[in-house]
Every structure is written in C-alpha cells, then in structure tokens.
PDB file of N, CA and C in Angstrom:
ATOM      1  N   MET A   1      -7.214 -59.654  52.457  1.00  0.00           N
ATOM      2  CA  MET A   1      -7.587 -60.942  52.644  1.00  0.00           C
ATOM      3  C   MET A   1      -7.714 -60.700  54.651  1.00  0.00           C
ATOM      4  N   LEU A   2      -7.226 -59.180  55.229  1.00  0.00           N
ATOM      5  CA  LEU A   2      -7.555 -58.866  56.399  1.00  0.00           C
ATOM      6  C   LEU A   2      -8.521 -57.905  56.429  1.00  0.00           C
ATOM      7  N   SER A   3      -9.251 -57.881  55.233  1.00  0.00           N
ATOM      8  CA  SER A   3     -10.113 -56.127  55.060  1.00  0.00           C
ATOM      9  C   SER A   3     -11.050 -56.764  56.821  1.00  0.00           C
ATOM     10  N   GLY A   4     -11.610 -55.706  57.366  1.00  0.00           N
ATOM     11  CA  GLY A   4     -12.243 -55.704  58.821  1.00  0.00           C
ATOM     12  C   GLY A   4     -11.654 -56.489  59.686  1.00  0.00           C
ATOM     13  N   LYS A   5     -10.403 -56.555  59.471  1.00  0.00           N
ATOM     14  CA  LYS A   5      -9.848 -57.864  60.829  1.00  0.00           C
ATOM     15  C   LYS A   5      -9.059 -56.039  62.144  1.00  0.00           C
ATOM     16  N   LYS A   6      -9.519 -56.816  62.799  1.00  0.00           N
ATOM     17  CA  LYS A   6      -8.133 -56.472  63.941  1.00  0.00           C
ATOM     18  C   LYS A   6      -7.047 -56.477  64.489  1.00  0.00           C
ATOM     19  N   VAL A   7      -5.993 -56.358  64.649  1.00  0.00           N
ATOM     20  CA  VAL A   7      -5.225 -57.159  64.458  1.00  0.00           C
ATOM     21  C   VAL A   7      -3.934 -56.984  65.762  1.00  0.00           C
ATOM     22  N   ALA A   8      -3.979 -57.112  66.773  1.00  0.00           N
ATOM     23  CA  ALA A   8      -2.061 -56.994  67.789  1.00  0.00           C
ATOM     24  C   ALA A   8      -1.285 -57.549  66.910  1.00  0.00           C
ATOM     25  N   VAL A   9       0.195 -57.099  67.042  1.00  0.00           N
ATOM     26  CA  VAL A   9       1.074 -57.075  66.481  1.00  0.00           C
ATOM     27  C   VAL A   9       2.589 -57.009  67.678  1.00  0.00           C
ATOM     28  N   PHE A  10       3.490 -58.633  67.798  1.00  0.00           N
ATOM     29  CA  PHE A  10       4.085 -58.515  69.118  1.00  0.00           C
ATOM     30  C   PHE A  10       5.195 -58.997  68.010  1.00  0.00           C
ATOM     31  N   GLY A  11       5.956 -57.927  67.787  1.00  0.00           N
ATOM     32  CA  GLY A  11       7.294 -58.010  67.030  1.00  0.00           C
ATOM     33  C   GLY A  11       8.801 -58.370  68.169  1.00  0.00           C
ATOM     34  N   GLU A  12       9.793 -58.978  67.301  1.00  0.00           N
ATOM     35  CA  GLU A  12      11.734 -59.333  68.504  1.00  0.00           C
ATOM     36  C   GLU A  12      12.163 -58.000  67.509  1.00  0.00           C
ATOM     37  N   ARG A  13      13.119 -57.560  69.319  1.00  0.00           N
ATOM     38  CA  ARG A  13      13.998 -56.855  68.646  1.00  0.00           C
ATOM     39  C   ARG A  13      15.101 -57.235  67.847  1.00  0.00           C
ATOM     40  N   ASP A  14      15.011 -58.260  67.762  1.00  0.00           N
ATOM     41  CA  ASP A  14      16.947 -59.571  66.966  1.00  0.00           C
ATOM     42  C   ASP A  14      16.224 -59.978  66.033  1.00  0.00           C
ATOM     43  N   ASP A  15      14.736 -60.116  65.263  1.00  0.00           N
ATOM     44  CA  ASP A  15      13.957 -59.847  64.256  1.00  0.00           C
ATOM     45  C   ASP A  15      13.489 -59.429  63.968  1.00  0.00           C
ATOM     46  N   VAL A  16      12.476 -59.566  63.115  1.00  0.00           N
ATOM     47  CA  VAL A  16      11.307 -58.604  62.742  1.00  0.00           C
ATOM     48  C   VAL A  16      10.528 -58.379  63.524  1.00  0.00           C
ATOM     49  N   SER A  17      10.530 -56.667  63.318  1.00  0.00           N
ATOM     50  CA  SER A  17      10.714 -55.390  64.218  1.00  0.00           C
ATOM     51  C   SER A  17       8.068 -54.947  64.630  1.00  0.00           C
ATOM     52  N   GLY A  18       8.040 -54.821  65.482  1.00  0.00           N
ATOM     53  CA  GLY A  18       6.920 -54.825  65.319  1.00  0.00           C
ATOM     54  C   GLY A  18       5.436 -54.001  63.689  1.00  0.00           C
ATOM     55  N   LEU A  19       6.503 -52.459  64.147  1.00  0.00           N
ATOM     56  CA  LEU A  19       6.677 -52.145  62.735  1.00  0.00           C
ATOM     57  C   LEU A  19       6.579 -52.852  61.592  1.00  0.00           C
ATOM     58  N   ALA A  20       7.523 -52.973  61.299  1.00  0.00           N
ATOM     59  CA  ALA A  20       6.954 -54.111  60.079  1.00  0.00           C
ATOM     60  C   ALA A  20       6.325 -54.876  59.741  1.00  0.00           C
ATOM     61  N   VAL A  21       5.928 -55.887  60.637  1.00  0.00           N
ATOM     62  CA  VAL A  21       5.094 -56.857  60.769  1.00  0.00           C
ATOM     63  C   VAL A  21       3.531 -55.629  60.608  1.00  0.00           C
ATOM     64  N   ARG A  22       3.580 -54.550  61.536  1.00  0.00           N
ATOM     65  CA  ARG A  22       2.513 -53.935  60.984  1.00  0.00           C
ATOM     66  C   ARG A  22       2.065 -53.048  59.383  1.00  0.00           C
ATOM     67  N   LYS A  23       3.234 -52.764  58.820  1.00  0.00           N
ATOM     68  CA  LYS A  23       3.245 -52.097  57.050  1.00  0.00           C
ATOM     69  C   LYS A  23       2.925 -53.210  56.759  1.00  0.00           C
ATOM     70  N   CYS A  24       2.503 -55.526  57.143  1.00  0.00           N
ATOM     71  CA  CYS A  24       2.259 -56.251  55.864  1.00  0.00           C
ATOM     72  C   CYS A  24       0.513 -56.121  56.074  1.00  0.00           C
ATOM     73  N   ILE A  25       0.738 -55.976  57.165  1.00  0.00           N
ATOM     74  CA  ILE A  25      -0.849 -56.291  58.187  1.00  0.00           C
ATOM     75  C   ILE A  25      -1.825 -55.102  57.017  1.00  0.00           C
ATOM     76  N   GLU A  26      -1.015 -53.728  57.508  1.00  0.00           N
ATOM     77  CA  GLU A  26      -2.576 -52.859  56.502  1.00  0.00           C
ATOM     78  C   GLU A  26      -1.857 -52.716  54.966  1.00  0.00           C
ATOM     79  N   ALA A  27      -1.023 -53.337  54.465  1.00  0.00           N
ATOM     80  CA  ALA A  27      -0.816 -52.995  53.325  1.00  0.00           C
ATOM     81  C   ALA A  27      -2.432 -54.725  52.890  1.00  0.00           C
ATOM     82  N   ALA A  28      -1.899 -55.772  54.088  1.00  0.00           N
ATOM     83  CA  ALA A  28      -2.817 -56.588  53.574  1.00  0.00           C
ATOM     84  C   ALA A  28      -4.435 -56.261  53.868  1.00  0.00           C
ATOM     85  N   GLY A  29      -4.979 -54.747  54.072  1.00  0.00           N
ATOM     86  CA  GLY A  29      -5.712 -54.129  54.328  1.00  0.00           C
ATOM     87  C   GLY A  29      -7.011 -54.341  56.848  1.00  0.00           C
ATOM     88  N   GLY A  30      -6.088 -55.026  57.491  1.00  0.00           N
ATOM     89  CA  GLY A  30      -6.180 -55.450  58.384  1.00  0.00           C
ATOM     90  C   GLY A  30      -5.470 -53.876  59.386  1.00  0.00           C
ATOM     91  N   GLU A  31      -6.181 -53.686  60.088  1.00  0.00           N
ATOM     92  CA  GLU A  31      -6.158 -52.768  61.313  1.00  0.00           C
ATOM     93  C   GLU A  31      -5.731 -53.222  62.513  1.00  0.00           C
ATOM     94  N   VAL A  32      -4.554 -52.002  62.429  1.00  0.00           N
ATOM     95  CA  VAL A  32      -3.340 -52.022  63.595  1.00  0.00           C
ATOM     96  C   VAL A  32      -3.620 -51.719  65.720  1.00  0.00           C
ATOM     97  N   VAL A  33      -4.697 -52.540  65.849  1.00  0.00           N
ATOM     98  CA  VAL A  33      -4.670 -52.111  67.063  1.00  0.00           C
ATOM     99  C   VAL A  33      -4.125 -51.293  68.050  1.00  0.00           C
ATOM    100  N   TYR A  34      -2.510 -52.576  68.059  1.00  0.00           N
ATOM    101  CA  TYR A  34      -1.554 -52.680  69.221  1.00  0.00           C
ATOM    102  C   TYR A  34      -0.681 -53.222  68.620  1.00  0.00           C
ATOM    103  N   GLU A  35       0.595 -52.303  68.892  1.00  0.00           N
ATOM    104  CA  GLU A  35       2.666 -52.405  68.287  1.00  0.00           C
ATOM    105  C   GLU A  35       3.020 -52.294  69.384  1.00  0.00           C
ATOM    106  N   ALA A  36       3.562 -53.924  69.888  1.00  0.00           N
ATOM    107  CA  ALA A  36       4.652 -53.431  70.581  1.00  0.00           C
ATOM    108  C   ALA A  36       5.793 -54.285  69.502  1.00  0.00           C
ATOM    109  N   THR A  37       7.523 -53.736  70.392  1.00  0.00           N
ATOM    110  CA  THR A  37       8.489 -54.440  69.474  1.00  0.00           C
ATOM    111  C   THR A  37       9.463 -54.358  71.194  1.00  0.00           C
ATOM    112  N   SER A  38       9.413 -55.730  70.898  1.00  0.00           N
ATOM    113  CA  SER A  38       9.834 -56.389  73.039  1.00  0.00           C
ATOM    114  C   SER A  38      11.486 -57.319  72.149  1.00  0.00           C
ATOM    115  N   CYS A  39      11.884 -57.646  73.221  1.00  0.00           N
ATOM    116  CA  CYS A  39      13.040 -58.951  73.518  1.00  0.00           C
ATOM    117  C   CYS A  39      12.538 -59.834  74.506  1.00  0.00           C
ATOM    118  N   PHE A  40      12.755 -60.648  73.590  1.00  0.00           N
ATOM    119  CA  PHE A  40      11.822 -61.770  74.649  1.00  0.00           C
ATOM    120  C   PHE A  40      13.802 -62.921  74.363  1.00  0.00           C
ATOM    121  N   VAL A  41      13.435 -62.763  75.813  1.00  0.00           N
ATOM    122  CA  VAL A  41      15.222 -64.014  75.999  1.00  0.00           C
ATOM    123  C   VAL A  41      14.824 -65.325  77.119  1.00  0.00           C
TER     124      VAL A  41
END
C-alpha cells in the first residue's frame, strides 16, 4: 500500500511513539525518512 512512498513520522511521548508508527509504515512497504517522538502540550 505504501510501497515506494517516503514518509515523515511524528510520534507523541504519552500516546503512540514515532518508533511504533515507523514499524507500521515499514511493514506496509513505506520508507521512513524522518522519525521523531516529542511531547506536544
């Protein structure tokens, strides 16, 4: 579904982390070019 797509991932410290989203994107065939996990207040 995401094969050949480049993705920027932004995760939230208290919710879904960037690493968790990255694993899902990679499993769907996408390429993560940037990943960050921050606290959004």
